[in-house]
Amino acid sequence: MPLSLHSQSLRTMAVLSLFLSLQSASQAAIGCTLSNPGRDLKALYPTMTSYREELREIRTLPDGIAAYQWLQERVGSDLDPVYEGPDTPYTLYAVFQQERLIGYVHGVNVPGRGGVIQVFLAIDPETASIVRMFFQRLESPGGAALRNPAFRNQFVGLTLADFYRHDYFSVADPNHPADRVGRLVPPASLPEAAQADWQATLRGVRKNLVLLDLFVFERRHDPFFARSRDLLTQEEKKP
């Protein structure tokens, strides 16, 4: 049922209030940058000849309030005012081979059991798919298992569309063969005390892809989000 003008006004005021309160609470907002960009990017892209570093903040976007609400809806959980506030700085690295763009690298902070976890993604600039997932910071009783390349390689090739599809499959058809995110599994050796860090990792990868969709890919994956929402609505109406 369409919202009345009064309801729409109240909703807009609520979003604005949330945006301003989190902006006020996040004066010490913490970003996520590579410790040594030249070295780290060269390791990720051996043919790199140069890179460009850009700083992004949601609050500076023309539609900052709406973009912040958009981010929260697609991350699918509450946003942390320190690590995920409207003025949290995000550093985007564009990697070049001569004049050709060969990749993007972007990192996010997510709260973990033993402290903040820094999840970085190297992304294909054409397909928006994951080329490499790695941790810059991870203090966890399962740190060694989570850093293992065999575990991290599960994320290679995934896109944000896969995470949006998973929203539907996880409810309507668990174990569906097309659910690539549903096939991700934690390391067999991961201790029980580190299960929260496994979940934080999944959230960090998803949030990273959502931000890249906002900052770089012009929200190209939104049709997949809308389709999953529509299918879930239909699922709820089934007798």
C-alpha atoms as a PDB file:
ATOM      1  CA  MET A   1       0.000   0.000   0.000  1.00  0.00           C
ATOM      2  CA  PRO A   2       1.489   3.418  -0.969  1.00  0.00           C
ATOM      3  CA  LEU A   3       2.554   5.607   1.908  1.00  0.00           C
ATOM      4  CA  SER A   4       0.511   8.738   2.589  1.00  0.00           C
ATOM      5  CA  LEU A   5       2.235  12.101   2.279  1.00  0.00           C
ATOM      6  CA  HIS A   6       2.183  12.336   6.071  1.00  0.00           C
ATOM      7  CA  SER A   7       3.780   8.901   6.450  1.00  0.00           C
ATOM      8  CA  GLN A   8       6.391   9.702   3.836  1.00  0.00           C
ATOM      9  CA  SER A   9       7.234  12.931   5.659  1.00  0.00           C
ATOM     10  CA  LEU A  10       7.595  11.115   8.974  1.00  0.00           C
ATOM     11  CA  ARG A  11       9.814   8.488   7.405  1.00  0.00           C
ATOM     12  CA  THR A  12      12.043  11.124   5.788  1.00  0.00           C
ATOM     13  CA  MET A  13      12.343  12.952   9.113  1.00  0.00           C
ATOM     14  CA  ALA A  14      13.271   9.689  10.858  1.00  0.00           C
ATOM     15  CA  VAL A  15      16.014   8.957   8.319  1.00  0.00           C
ATOM     16  CA  LEU A  16      17.347  12.511   8.610  1.00  0.00           C
ATOM     17  CA  SER A  17      17.371  12.232  12.404  1.00  0.00           C
ATOM     18  CA  LEU A  18      19.281   8.933  12.221  1.00  0.00           C
ATOM     19  CA  PHE A  19      21.768  10.387   9.743  1.00  0.00           C
ATOM     20  CA  LEU A  20      22.468  13.469  11.841  1.00  0.00           C
ATOM     21  CA  SER A  21      22.704  11.557  15.119  1.00  0.00           C
ATOM     22  CA  LEU A  22      25.192   9.068  13.679  1.00  0.00           C
ATOM     23  CA  GLN A  23      27.155  11.860  12.046  1.00  0.00           C
ATOM     24  CA  SER A  24      27.402  13.544  15.437  1.00  0.00           C
ATOM     25  CA  ALA A  25      28.350  10.281  17.146  1.00  0.00           C
ATOM     26  CA  SER A  26      30.997   9.407  14.564  1.00  0.00           C
ATOM     27  CA  GLN A  27      33.350  12.370  14.907  1.00  0.00           C
ATOM     28  CA  ALA A  28      36.098   9.820  15.559  1.00  0.00           C
ATOM     29  CA  ALA A  29      35.062   7.727  12.543  1.00  0.00           C
ATOM     30  CA  ILE A  30      37.788   5.283  11.590  1.00  0.00           C
ATOM     31  CA  GLY A  31      38.654   4.510   7.986  1.00  0.00           C
ATOM     32  CA  CYS A  32      40.536   1.610   6.422  1.00  0.00           C
ATOM     33  CA  THR A  33      43.674   2.156   4.350  1.00  0.00           C
ATOM     34  CA  LEU A  34      46.490  -0.078   3.160  1.00  0.00           C
ATOM     35  CA  SER A  35      49.547   0.070   5.409  1.00  0.00           C
ATOM     36  CA  ASN A  36      51.916   0.278   2.429  1.00  0.00           C
ATOM     37  CA  PRO A  37      49.898   0.898  -0.755  1.00  0.00           C
ATOM     38  CA  GLY A  38      52.818   0.785  -3.191  1.00  0.00           C
ATOM     39  CA  ARG A  39      54.062  -2.547  -1.886  1.00  0.00           C
ATOM     40  CA  ASP A  40      50.644  -4.115  -1.264  1.00  0.00           C
ATOM     41  CA  LEU A  41      49.144  -3.157  -4.621  1.00  0.00           C
ATOM     42  CA  LYS A  42      52.227  -4.373  -6.488  1.00  0.00           C
ATOM     43  CA  ALA A  43      51.891  -7.730  -4.722  1.00  0.00           C
ATOM     44  CA  LEU A  44      48.245  -7.943  -5.804  1.00  0.00           C
ATOM     45  CA  TYR A  45      48.899  -6.707  -9.353  1.00  0.00           C
ATOM     46  CA  PRO A  46      52.494  -7.500 -10.427  1.00  0.00           C
ATOM     47  CA  THR A  47      52.015  -5.663 -13.765  1.00  0.00           C
ATOM     48  CA  MET A  48      50.953  -2.441 -12.010  1.00  0.00           C
ATOM     49  CA  THR A  49      52.770   0.682 -13.180  1.00  0.00           C
ATOM     50  CA  SER A  50      50.795   3.263 -11.149  1.00  0.00           C
ATOM     51  CA  TYR A  51      47.817   3.696  -8.867  1.00  0.00           C
ATOM     52  CA  ARG A  52      45.396   6.417  -7.845  1.00  0.00           C
ATOM     53  CA  GLU A  53      44.124   6.843  -4.294  1.00  0.00           C
ATOM     54  CA  GLU A  54      40.713   8.455  -3.711  1.00  0.00           C
ATOM     55  CA  LEU A  55      38.909   9.293  -0.468  1.00  0.00           C
ATOM     56  CA  ARG A  56      35.130   8.823  -0.314  1.00  0.00           C
ATOM     57  CA  GLU A  57      32.594   9.743   2.379  1.00  0.00           C
ATOM     58  CA  ILE A  58      28.880   9.063   2.138  1.00  0.00           C
ATOM     59  CA  ARG A  59      27.957  12.364   3.774  1.00  0.00           C
ATOM     60  CA  THR A  60      29.617  14.301   0.936  1.00  0.00           C
ATOM     61  CA  LEU A  61      27.523  12.632  -1.767  1.00  0.00           C
ATOM     62  CA  PRO A  62      24.739  14.783  -3.269  1.00  0.00           C
ATOM     63  CA  ASP A  63      22.155  12.377  -1.824  1.00  0.00           C
ATOM     64  CA  GLY A  64      24.109  11.514   1.313  1.00  0.00           C
ATOM     65  CA  ILE A  65      21.098  10.875   3.569  1.00  0.00           C
ATOM     66  CA  ALA A  66      19.425   8.589   1.046  1.00  0.00           C
ATOM     67  CA  ALA A  67      22.728   6.875   0.251  1.00  0.00           C
ATOM     68  CA  TYR A  68      23.298   6.109   3.918  1.00  0.00           C
ATOM     69  CA  GLN A  69      19.849   4.539   4.218  1.00  0.00           C
ATOM     70  CA  TRP A  70      20.526   2.657   0.946  1.00  0.00           C
ATOM     71  CA  LEU A  71      23.749   1.286   2.456  1.00  0.00           C
ATOM     72  CA  GLN A  72      22.054   0.074   5.637  1.00  0.00           C
ATOM     73  CA  GLU A  73      19.256  -1.669   3.706  1.00  0.00           C
ATOM     74  CA  ARG A  74      21.747  -3.556   1.548  1.00  0.00           C
ATOM     75  CA  VAL A  75      24.204  -4.458   4.273  1.00  0.00           C
ATOM     76  CA  GLY A  76      21.174  -5.882   6.045  1.00  0.00           C
ATOM     77  CA  SER A  77      22.080  -4.951   9.607  1.00  0.00           C
ATOM     78  CA  ASP A  78      22.599  -1.914  11.812  1.00  0.00           C
ATOM     79  CA  LEU A  79      25.634   0.209  11.019  1.00  0.00           C
ATOM     80  CA  ASP A  80      28.309   0.912  13.612  1.00  0.00           C
ATOM     81  CA  PRO A  81      28.656   4.685  14.317  1.00  0.00           C
ATOM     82  CA  VAL A  82      32.465   4.508  14.565  1.00  0.00           C
ATOM     83  CA  TYR A  83      33.339   2.168  11.700  1.00  0.00           C
ATOM     84  CA  GLU A  84      30.281   2.739   9.524  1.00  0.00           C
ATOM     85  CA  GLY A  85      29.073   6.289  10.138  1.00  0.00           C
ATOM     86  CA  PRO A  86      28.051   8.747   7.407  1.00  0.00           C
ATOM     87  CA  ASP A  87      31.426  10.495   7.699  1.00  0.00           C
ATOM     88  CA  THR A  88      33.540   7.339   7.836  1.00  0.00           C
ATOM     89  CA  PRO A  89      36.350   7.802   5.280  1.00  0.00           C
ATOM     90  CA  TYR A  90      36.741   5.056   2.676  1.00  0.00           C
ATOM     91  CA  THR A  91      39.914   4.816   0.596  1.00  0.00           C
ATOM     92  CA  LEU A  92      39.560   3.491  -2.932  1.00  0.00           C
ATOM     93  CA  TYR A  93      42.642   2.411  -4.889  1.00  0.00           C
ATOM     94  CA  ALA A  94      42.479   2.319  -8.680  1.00  0.00           C
ATOM     95  CA  VAL A  95      45.325   0.256 -10.167  1.00  0.00           C
ATOM     96  CA  PHE A  96      46.757   0.860 -13.631  1.00  0.00           C
ATOM     97  CA  GLN A  97      49.053  -0.853 -16.108  1.00  0.00           C
ATOM     98  CA  GLN A  98      50.246   2.096 -18.172  1.00  0.00           C
ATOM     99  CA  GLU A  99      46.928   3.789 -19.098  1.00  0.00           C
ATOM    100  CA  ARG A 100      44.753   0.715 -18.607  1.00  0.00           C
ATOM    101  CA  LEU A 101      42.693   0.291 -15.445  1.00  0.00           C
ATOM    102  CA  ILE A 102      43.322  -3.264 -14.222  1.00  0.00           C
ATOM    103  CA  GLY A 103      41.724  -3.318 -10.784  1.00  0.00           C
ATOM    104  CA  TYR A 104      40.210  -1.686  -7.747  1.00  0.00           C
ATOM    105  CA  VAL A 105      41.208  -2.358  -4.148  1.00  0.00           C
ATOM    106  CA  HIS A 106      39.029  -1.337  -1.238  1.00  0.00           C
ATOM    107  CA  GLY A 107      38.910  -2.169   2.464  1.00  0.00           C
ATOM    108  CA  VAL A 108      36.376  -1.933   5.271  1.00  0.00           C
ATOM    109  CA  ASN A 109      36.398  -2.246   9.039  1.00  0.00           C
ATOM    110  CA  VAL A 110      33.958  -4.583  10.758  1.00  0.00           C
ATOM    111  CA  PRO A 111      33.768  -5.308  14.502  1.00  0.00           C
ATOM    112  CA  GLY A 112      35.087  -8.755  15.403  1.00  0.00           C
ATOM    113  CA  ARG A 113      35.389 -10.807  18.566  1.00  0.00           C
ATOM    114  CA  GLY A 114      38.943  -9.683  19.305  1.00  0.00           C
ATOM    115  CA  GLY A 115      38.712  -6.195  17.837  1.00  0.00           C
ATOM    116  CA  VAL A 116      38.246  -4.599  14.452  1.00  0.00           C
ATOM    117  CA  ILE A 117      38.687  -6.788  11.365  1.00  0.00           C
ATOM    118  CA  GLN A 118      39.960  -5.157   8.173  1.00  0.00           C
ATOM    119  CA  VAL A 119      38.608  -6.931   5.090  1.00  0.00           C
ATOM    120  CA  PHE A 120      40.093  -5.947   1.729  1.00  0.00           C
ATOM    121  CA  LEU A 121      38.921  -6.885  -1.744  1.00  0.00           C
ATOM    122  CA  ALA A 122      40.704  -6.688  -5.077  1.00  0.00           C
ATOM    123  CA  ILE A 123      38.016  -6.263  -7.745  1.00  0.00           C
ATOM    124  CA  ASP A 124      37.851  -6.772 -11.499  1.00  0.00           C
ATOM    125  CA  PRO A 125      36.896  -3.360 -12.961  1.00  0.00           C
ATOM    126  CA  GLU A 126      34.811  -4.891 -15.750  1.00  0.00           C
ATOM    127  CA  THR A 127      32.855  -7.650 -14.006  1.00  0.00           C
ATOM    128  CA  ALA A 128      32.867  -6.193 -10.447  1.00  0.00           C
ATOM    129  CA  SER A 129      33.821  -9.688  -9.245  1.00  0.00           C
ATOM    130  CA  ILE A 130      36.265 -10.529  -6.472  1.00  0.00           C
ATOM    131  CA  VAL A 131      39.799 -11.254  -7.621  1.00  0.00           C
ATOM    132  CA  ARG A 132      41.271 -11.558  -4.127  1.00  0.00           C
ATOM    133  CA  MET A 133      39.993 -11.307  -0.566  1.00  0.00           C
ATOM    134  CA  PHE A 134      42.456 -10.734   2.237  1.00  0.00           C
ATOM    135  CA  PHE A 135      42.698  -9.460   5.799  1.00  0.00           C
ATOM    136  CA  GLN A 136      44.994  -6.622   6.722  1.00  0.00           C
ATOM    137  CA  ARG A 137      44.039  -6.845  10.387  1.00  0.00           C
ATOM    138  CA  LEU A 138      42.515  -9.852  12.130  1.00  0.00           C
ATOM    139  CA  GLU A 139      42.819 -10.568  15.825  1.00  0.00           C
ATOM    140  CA  SER A 140      40.951 -13.815  16.293  1.00  0.00           C
ATOM    141  CA  PRO A 141      41.453 -17.232  17.895  1.00  0.00           C
ATOM    142  CA  GLY A 142      40.764 -18.534  14.395  1.00  0.00           C
ATOM    143  CA  GLY A 143      43.034 -16.063  12.632  1.00  0.00           C
ATOM    144  CA  ALA A 144      45.351 -18.630  11.057  1.00  0.00           C
ATOM    145  CA  ALA A 145      42.440 -20.650   9.695  1.00  0.00           C
ATOM    146  CA  LEU A 146      40.647 -17.591   8.305  1.00  0.00           C
ATOM    147  CA  ARG A 147      43.821 -16.287   6.649  1.00  0.00           C
ATOM    148  CA  ASN A 148      44.442 -19.636   4.944  1.00  0.00           C
ATOM    149  CA  PRO A 149      44.379 -19.144   1.137  1.00  0.00           C
ATOM    150  CA  ALA A 150      42.229 -22.258   0.710  1.00  0.00           C
ATOM    151  CA  PHE A 151      39.516 -20.554   2.764  1.00  0.00           C
ATOM    152  CA  ARG A 152      39.884 -17.102   1.221  1.00  0.00           C
ATOM    153  CA  ASN A 153      39.853 -18.463  -2.341  1.00  0.00           C
ATOM    154  CA  GLN A 154      36.186 -19.385  -1.887  1.00  0.00           C
ATOM    155  CA  PHE A 155      35.340 -15.718  -2.438  1.00  0.00           C
ATOM    156  CA  VAL A 156      37.095 -15.413  -5.808  1.00  0.00           C
ATOM    157  CA  GLY A 157      34.611 -14.748  -8.593  1.00  0.00           C
ATOM    158  CA  LEU A 158      31.722 -13.700  -6.352  1.00  0.00           C
ATOM    159  CA  THR A 159      29.836 -10.478  -7.039  1.00  0.00           C
ATOM    160  CA  LEU A 160      27.313  -8.460  -5.068  1.00  0.00           C
ATOM    161  CA  ALA A 161      24.583 -10.087  -7.153  1.00  0.00           C
ATOM    162  CA  ASP A 162      25.493 -13.423  -5.534  1.00  0.00           C
ATOM    163  CA  PHE A 163      24.931 -11.964  -2.063  1.00  0.00           C
ATOM    164  CA  TYR A 164      21.583 -10.482  -3.088  1.00  0.00           C
ATOM    165  CA  ARG A 165      20.475 -13.818  -4.591  1.00  0.00           C
ATOM    166  CA  HIS A 166      21.469 -15.493  -1.351  1.00  0.00           C
ATOM    167  CA  ASP A 167      18.958 -13.317   0.517  1.00  0.00           C
ATOM    168  CA  TYR A 168      16.216 -15.148  -1.367  1.00  0.00           C
ATOM    169  CA  PHE A 169      17.717 -18.628  -1.497  1.00  0.00           C
ATOM    170  CA  SER A 170      18.504 -18.689   2.225  1.00  0.00           C
ATOM    171  CA  VAL A 171      14.788 -18.320   2.957  1.00  0.00           C
ATOM    172  CA  ALA A 172      13.015 -19.952   0.035  1.00  0.00           C
ATOM    173  CA  ASP A 173      15.365 -22.669  -1.175  1.00  0.00           C
ATOM    174  CA  PRO A 174      18.375 -23.414   1.076  1.00  0.00           C
ATOM    175  CA  ASN A 175      21.088 -25.536  -0.558  1.00  0.00           C
ATOM    176  CA  HIS A 176      20.010 -24.462  -4.052  1.00  0.00           C
ATOM    177  CA  PRO A 177      22.956 -25.144  -6.404  1.00  0.00           C
ATOM    178  CA  ALA A 178      22.804 -21.580  -7.754  1.00  0.00           C
ATOM    179  CA  ASP A 179      23.355 -20.120  -4.270  1.00  0.00           C
ATOM    180  CA  ARG A 180      27.089 -19.465  -4.438  1.00  0.00           C
ATOM    181  CA  VAL A 181      27.194 -17.578  -1.134  1.00  0.00           C
ATOM    182  CA  GLY A 182      25.302 -20.420   0.535  1.00  0.00           C
ATOM    183  CA  ARG A 183      28.157 -22.749  -0.445  1.00  0.00           C
ATOM    184  CA  LEU A 184      30.724 -20.701   1.460  1.00  0.00           C
ATOM    185  CA  VAL A 185      31.885 -22.602   4.522  1.00  0.00           C
ATOM    186  CA  PRO A 186      34.099 -21.648   7.458  1.00  0.00           C
ATOM    187  CA  PRO A 187      37.421 -23.460   7.857  1.00  0.00           C
ATOM    188  CA  ALA A 188      36.998 -26.946   9.308  1.00  0.00           C
ATOM    189  CA  SER A 189      39.589 -26.104  11.960  1.00  0.00           C
ATOM    190  CA  LEU A 190      37.865 -22.880  13.046  1.00  0.00           C
ATOM    191  CA  PRO A 191      37.361 -22.946  16.840  1.00  0.00           C
ATOM    192  CA  GLU A 192      33.926 -22.225  18.266  1.00  0.00           C
ATOM    193  CA  ALA A 193      35.267 -19.029  19.813  1.00  0.00           C
ATOM    194  CA  ALA A 194      35.968 -17.672  16.323  1.00  0.00           C
ATOM    195  CA  GLN A 195      32.558 -18.340  14.751  1.00  0.00           C
ATOM    196  CA  ALA A 196      31.613 -14.694  15.305  1.00  0.00           C
ATOM    197  CA  ASP A 197      34.658 -13.658  13.248  1.00  0.00           C
ATOM    198  CA  TRP A 198      33.515 -15.923  10.405  1.00  0.00           C
ATOM    199  CA  GLN A 199      30.157 -14.132  10.406  1.00  0.00           C
ATOM    200  CA  ALA A 200      31.920 -10.754  10.629  1.00  0.00           C
ATOM    201  CA  THR A 201      34.019 -11.736   7.600  1.00  0.00           C
ATOM    202  CA  LEU A 202      30.914 -12.503   5.539  1.00  0.00           C
ATOM    203  CA  ARG A 203      29.394  -9.193   6.577  1.00  0.00           C
ATOM    204  CA  GLY A 204      32.639  -7.372   5.743  1.00  0.00           C
ATOM    205  CA  VAL A 205      32.816  -8.843   2.243  1.00  0.00           C
ATOM    206  CA  ARG A 206      29.186  -7.959   1.583  1.00  0.00           C
ATOM    207  CA  LYS A 207      29.543  -4.415   2.939  1.00  0.00           C
ATOM    208  CA  ASN A 208      32.692  -3.930   0.870  1.00  0.00           C
ATOM    209  CA  LEU A 209      30.870  -4.976  -2.311  1.00  0.00           C
ATOM    210  CA  VAL A 210      27.895  -2.726  -1.480  1.00  0.00           C
ATOM    211  CA  LEU A 211      30.181   0.283  -1.032  1.00  0.00           C
ATOM    212  CA  LEU A 212      31.988  -0.486  -4.279  1.00  0.00           C
ATOM    213  CA  ASP A 213      28.616  -0.660  -6.004  1.00  0.00           C
ATOM    214  CA  LEU A 214      27.912   2.821  -4.648  1.00  0.00           C
ATOM    215  CA  PHE A 215      31.323   4.404  -5.221  1.00  0.00           C
ATOM    216  CA  VAL A 216      32.379   2.770  -8.489  1.00  0.00           C
ATOM    217  CA  PHE A 217      29.769   0.710 -10.287  1.00  0.00           C
ATOM    218  CA  GLU A 218      26.806   3.125 -10.236  1.00  0.00           C
ATOM    219  CA  ARG A 219      24.582   0.703  -8.281  1.00  0.00           C
ATOM    220  CA  ARG A 220      24.540  -1.764 -11.148  1.00  0.00           C
ATOM    221  CA  HIS A 221      23.511  -4.614  -8.839  1.00  0.00           C
ATOM    222  CA  ASP A 222      20.371  -2.949  -7.499  1.00  0.00           C
ATOM    223  CA  PRO A 223      18.080  -4.907  -9.873  1.00  0.00           C
ATOM    224  CA  PHE A 224      19.239  -8.118  -8.160  1.00  0.00           C
ATOM    225  CA  PHE A 225      18.444  -6.626  -4.755  1.00  0.00           C
ATOM    226  CA  ALA A 226      14.980  -5.551  -5.917  1.00  0.00           C
ATOM    227  CA  ARG A 227      14.304  -8.944  -7.503  1.00  0.00           C
ATOM    228  CA  SER A 228      15.232 -10.793  -4.313  1.00  0.00           C
ATOM    229  CA  ARG A 229      12.969  -8.483  -2.307  1.00  0.00           C
ATOM    230  CA  ASP A 230      10.090  -9.111  -4.708  1.00  0.00           C
ATOM    231  CA  LEU A 231      10.573 -12.876  -4.571  1.00  0.00           C
ATOM    232  CA  LEU A 232      10.710 -12.850  -0.775  1.00  0.00           C
ATOM    233  CA  THR A 233       7.481 -10.846  -0.689  1.00  0.00           C
ATOM    234  CA  GLN A 234       5.853 -13.426  -2.934  1.00  0.00           C
ATOM    235  CA  GLU A 235       7.204 -16.200  -0.696  1.00  0.00           C
ATOM    236  CA  GLU A 236       5.625 -14.592   2.365  1.00  0.00           C
ATOM    237  CA  LYS A 237       2.224 -14.486   0.628  1.00  0.00           C
ATOM    238  CA  LYS A 238       2.199 -18.216  -0.082  1.00  0.00           C
ATOM    239  CA  PRO A 239      -0.372 -20.142   1.954  1.00  0.00           C
END
